Amino acid sequence: MLWFHSLAAVGWGAIVAVLVCLALPFGRQLLSERGSNFFDERMGLLLRVYWWTTAAVVGTGVYNLFKNVVYRTPFTPAKVRQVFLLPYGKAYFISLFVKLAVYFTMVALVVPLVREAKRRAGALGATAAPAVAGAPADNQEDHDPWGSQVAVLARPTKVETAPVADEETRWTIKGAVGFILVGVPVLFLCVTVLKDMHNLAESLRYFTGG
């Protein structure tokens, strides 16, 4: 189950990266206009896959809390104090608790990112307009194709941009993205510590016959 948990976590992280890009002008430039339009048109599917991967990460994580831990997971302060006295128990469970706190905070912070991504997608879709090469002429004999082309070339180009969000929304998005950027290496660090402490505790148990 650990491999499935890791696979679901990788998929979850990839989808979050796409949502972060869709919520930021710079991110949309990284995806390119075609890439942004691709995900905008499939926003519903993208969000369904996100919530399914979130459920998979949480479900397999709960299973691992009971089946794949070096010591029984403590759920009361008294149990926490006891397990902290075991070899490598303190580092192991502190890393586990930090990992859980960071992950669920990131899940909550994805919500404003989704809202902003949908706002930008809707705003750009509303402002998009097909290019008009010129009004059709009633009389083809009197139609001047060169004059129509000059009029089109002289017409100012309209750049599609989403309306600017309010100040509170901008700070919320910046805070969410900042926390996610910091949270990703923290999660990797916690996972590394968990694996190392688990291996050390198992090795000690093997050599001591515990």
Protein backbone atom coordinates (compact mmCIF):
# COMPACT_ATOMS: atom_id res chain seq x y z
CA MET A 1 0.00 0.00 0.00
CA LEU A 2 2.97 2.32 0.46
CA TRP A 3 3.71 2.32 -3.27
CA PHE A 4 0.10 3.19 -4.11
CA HIS A 5 0.18 5.99 -1.53
CA SER A 6 3.36 7.37 -3.11
CA LEU A 7 1.89 7.10 -6.62
CA ALA A 8 -1.29 8.92 -5.56
CA ALA A 9 0.80 11.62 -3.87
CA VAL A 10 2.80 12.19 -7.06
CA GLY A 11 -0.40 12.50 -9.08
CA TRP A 12 -1.86 14.87 -6.50
CA GLY A 13 1.24 17.06 -6.64
CA ALA A 14 1.14 17.20 -10.45
CA ILE A 15 -2.49 18.35 -10.46
CA VAL A 16 -1.77 20.98 -7.79
CA ALA A 17 1.11 22.27 -9.92
CA VAL A 18 -1.28 22.70 -12.87
CA LEU A 19 -3.84 24.51 -10.67
CA VAL A 20 -1.15 26.84 -9.36
CA CYS A 21 -0.15 27.68 -12.93
CA LEU A 22 -3.76 28.30 -13.96
CA ALA A 23 -4.24 30.68 -11.01
CA LEU A 24 -1.24 32.88 -11.91
CA PRO A 25 -0.59 34.97 -15.04
CA PHE A 26 3.03 33.81 -15.06
CA GLY A 27 1.91 30.20 -14.68
CA ARG A 28 -0.41 30.53 -17.65
CA GLN A 29 2.51 31.77 -19.71
CA LEU A 30 4.47 28.68 -18.69
CA LEU A 31 1.64 26.44 -19.83
CA SER A 32 1.30 28.45 -23.06
CA GLU A 33 -2.02 29.68 -24.42
CA ARG A 34 -2.83 26.30 -25.91
CA GLY A 35 -2.03 24.48 -22.66
CA SER A 36 -4.05 26.93 -20.56
CA ASN A 37 -7.04 26.62 -22.91
CA PHE A 38 -6.74 22.83 -22.79
CA PHE A 39 -7.07 22.75 -19.00
CA ASP A 40 -9.65 25.57 -18.89
CA GLU A 41 -11.95 23.58 -21.14
CA ARG A 42 -11.49 20.51 -18.93
CA MET A 43 -11.60 22.23 -15.54
CA GLY A 44 -14.43 20.02 -14.30
CA LEU A 45 -12.55 16.84 -15.17
CA LEU A 46 -9.34 18.24 -13.67
CA LEU A 47 -11.07 19.00 -10.37
CA ARG A 48 -12.73 15.58 -10.24
CA VAL A 49 -9.36 13.91 -10.74
CA TYR A 50 -7.88 16.18 -8.06
CA TRP A 51 -10.47 15.19 -5.47
CA TRP A 52 -10.17 11.51 -6.37
CA THR A 53 -6.39 11.63 -5.93
CA THR A 54 -6.85 13.54 -2.66
CA ALA A 55 -9.19 10.79 -1.45
CA ALA A 56 -6.65 8.17 -2.54
CA VAL A 57 -3.82 9.91 -0.66
CA VAL A 58 -5.90 10.29 2.50
CA GLY A 59 -7.34 6.77 2.34
CA THR A 60 -4.00 5.04 1.83
CA GLY A 61 -2.46 7.34 4.42
CA VAL A 62 -5.02 6.31 7.04
CA TYR A 63 -4.35 2.66 6.20
CA ASN A 64 -0.61 3.19 6.62
CA LEU A 65 -1.16 4.88 9.99
CA PHE A 66 -2.44 1.57 11.31
CA LYS A 67 -0.55 -0.99 9.22
CA ASN A 68 2.81 0.45 8.13
CA VAL A 69 4.24 2.30 11.12
CA VAL A 70 7.22 1.25 13.19
CA TYR A 71 5.24 1.77 16.42
CA ARG A 72 1.54 1.91 17.07
CA THR A 73 0.29 5.40 16.22
CA PRO A 74 -0.55 7.36 19.40
CA PHE A 75 -3.86 9.24 19.54
CA THR A 76 -3.76 10.58 23.10
CA PRO A 77 -1.22 12.82 24.89
CA ALA A 78 -0.33 9.98 27.26
CA LYS A 79 0.36 7.62 24.35
CA VAL A 80 2.42 10.31 22.63
CA ARG A 81 4.65 10.71 25.68
CA GLN A 82 5.12 6.94 25.87
CA VAL A 83 6.03 6.51 22.21
CA PHE A 84 8.47 9.43 22.38
CA LEU A 85 10.51 7.37 24.87
CA LEU A 86 10.97 4.55 22.34
CA PRO A 87 14.10 4.44 20.11
CA TYR A 88 13.67 6.92 17.26
CA GLY A 89 10.01 7.26 18.20
CA LYS A 90 10.11 11.02 18.82
CA ALA A 91 11.73 11.94 15.49
CA TYR A 92 9.49 9.48 13.67
CA PHE A 93 6.16 10.74 14.95
CA ILE A 94 7.10 14.43 14.97
CA SER A 95 7.91 14.07 11.27
CA LEU A 96 4.63 12.24 10.74
CA PHE A 97 2.58 14.91 12.54
CA VAL A 98 4.33 17.73 10.65
CA LYS A 99 3.73 15.93 7.36
CA LEU A 100 0.02 15.54 8.10
CA ALA A 101 -0.35 19.18 9.20
CA VAL A 102 1.42 20.52 6.11
CA TYR A 103 -0.49 18.29 3.72
CA PHE A 104 -3.97 19.11 5.04
CA THR A 105 -3.09 22.82 5.08
CA MET A 106 -2.09 22.53 1.43
CA VAL A 107 -5.38 20.78 0.64
CA ALA A 108 -7.26 23.70 2.20
CA LEU A 109 -5.16 26.27 0.32
CA VAL A 110 -5.92 24.65 -3.02
CA VAL A 111 -9.52 25.88 -2.68
CA PRO A 112 -8.74 29.60 -3.32
CA LEU A 113 -6.39 28.56 -6.13
CA VAL A 114 -9.21 26.63 -7.80
CA ARG A 115 -11.52 29.62 -7.38
CA GLU A 116 -8.96 31.94 -8.98
CA ALA A 117 -8.20 29.50 -11.82
CA LYS A 118 -11.91 29.24 -12.62
CA ARG A 119 -12.31 33.03 -12.43
CA ARG A 120 -9.47 33.57 -14.90
CA ALA A 121 -10.78 30.86 -17.21
CA GLY A 122 -14.28 32.35 -17.17
CA ALA A 123 -13.02 35.92 -17.62
CA LEU A 124 -10.81 35.01 -20.57
CA GLY A 125 -13.60 32.99 -22.15
CA ALA A 126 -16.00 35.91 -21.82
CA THR A 127 -13.57 38.41 -23.37
CA ALA A 128 -12.48 36.15 -26.22
CA ALA A 129 -13.96 37.16 -29.55
CA PRO A 130 -13.42 35.70 -33.00
CA ALA A 131 -11.37 37.79 -35.40
CA VAL A 132 -13.38 39.56 -38.06
CA ALA A 133 -11.70 39.90 -41.43
CA GLY A 134 -14.12 42.57 -42.57
CA ALA A 135 -17.80 43.04 -43.23
CA PRO A 136 -19.17 41.13 -46.25
CA ALA A 137 -19.84 43.31 -49.21
CA ASP A 138 -23.31 43.50 -50.67
CA ASN A 139 -21.90 43.85 -54.15
CA GLN A 140 -18.87 41.69 -54.92
CA GLU A 141 -17.97 43.86 -57.95
CA ASP A 142 -17.55 46.95 -55.77
CA HIS A 143 -15.70 45.05 -53.03
CA ASP A 144 -12.10 46.15 -52.54
CA PRO A 145 -10.14 43.28 -50.93
CA TRP A 146 -7.06 45.45 -50.43
CA GLY A 147 -9.07 48.04 -48.56
CA SER A 148 -10.49 45.37 -46.25
CA GLN A 149 -7.04 43.99 -45.50
CA VAL A 150 -5.70 47.46 -44.71
CA ALA A 151 -8.60 48.05 -42.33
CA VAL A 152 -7.91 44.77 -40.55
CA LEU A 153 -4.20 45.50 -40.25
CA ALA A 154 -4.90 49.00 -38.96
CA ARG A 155 -7.28 47.70 -36.31
CA PRO A 156 -5.54 47.65 -32.87
CA THR A 157 -4.82 44.19 -31.53
CA LYS A 158 -6.87 43.23 -28.47
CA VAL A 159 -4.89 41.34 -25.84
CA GLU A 160 -7.01 39.00 -23.76
CA THR A 161 -6.36 39.46 -20.07
CA ALA A 162 -8.43 38.49 -17.06
CA PRO A 163 -9.79 41.31 -14.91
CA VAL A 164 -7.53 42.14 -12.00
CA ALA A 165 -8.55 40.50 -8.73
CA ASP A 166 -9.13 42.57 -5.62
CA GLU A 167 -6.31 43.15 -3.15
CA GLU A 168 -7.51 40.58 -0.62
CA THR A 169 -7.77 37.88 -3.28
CA ARG A 170 -4.28 38.66 -4.59
CA TRP A 171 -2.76 38.33 -1.11
CA THR A 172 -4.69 35.09 -0.52
CA ILE A 173 -3.34 33.62 -3.76
CA LYS A 174 0.20 34.78 -2.98
CA GLY A 175 -0.01 33.28 0.51
CA ALA A 176 -1.38 29.98 -0.79
CA VAL A 177 1.27 29.66 -3.49
CA GLY A 178 4.03 30.64 -1.06
CA PHE A 179 2.95 28.05 1.49
CA ILE A 180 2.73 25.34 -1.17
CA LEU A 181 6.20 26.17 -2.49
CA VAL A 182 7.60 25.92 1.04
CA GLY A 183 5.44 22.92 1.94
CA VAL A 184 6.65 20.70 -0.89
CA PRO A 185 10.29 20.46 0.33
CA VAL A 186 9.01 20.12 3.91
CA LEU A 187 6.94 17.10 2.84
CA PHE A 188 9.95 15.55 1.12
CA LEU A 189 12.05 16.13 4.24
CA CYS A 190 9.41 14.54 6.47
CA VAL A 191 9.11 11.52 4.19
CA THR A 192 12.91 11.10 4.22
CA VAL A 193 13.06 11.30 8.00
CA LEU A 194 10.17 8.84 8.33
CA LYS A 195 11.89 6.29 6.09
CA ASP A 196 15.23 6.66 7.87
CA MET A 197 13.74 6.42 11.37
CA HIS A 198 11.63 3.45 10.34
CA ASN A 199 14.66 1.60 8.98
CA LEU A 200 16.78 2.43 12.04
CA ALA A 201 14.07 1.32 14.45
CA GLU A 202 13.51 -1.93 12.54
CA SER A 203 17.25 -2.60 12.43
CA LEU A 204 17.58 -1.98 16.16
CA ARG A 205 14.62 -4.27 16.82
CA TYR A 206 16.18 -6.97 14.66
CA PHE A 207 19.61 -6.87 16.31
CA THR A 208 18.26 -6.62 19.85
CA GLY A 209 15.54 -9.23 19.31
CA GLY A 210 12.85 -6.77 20.37
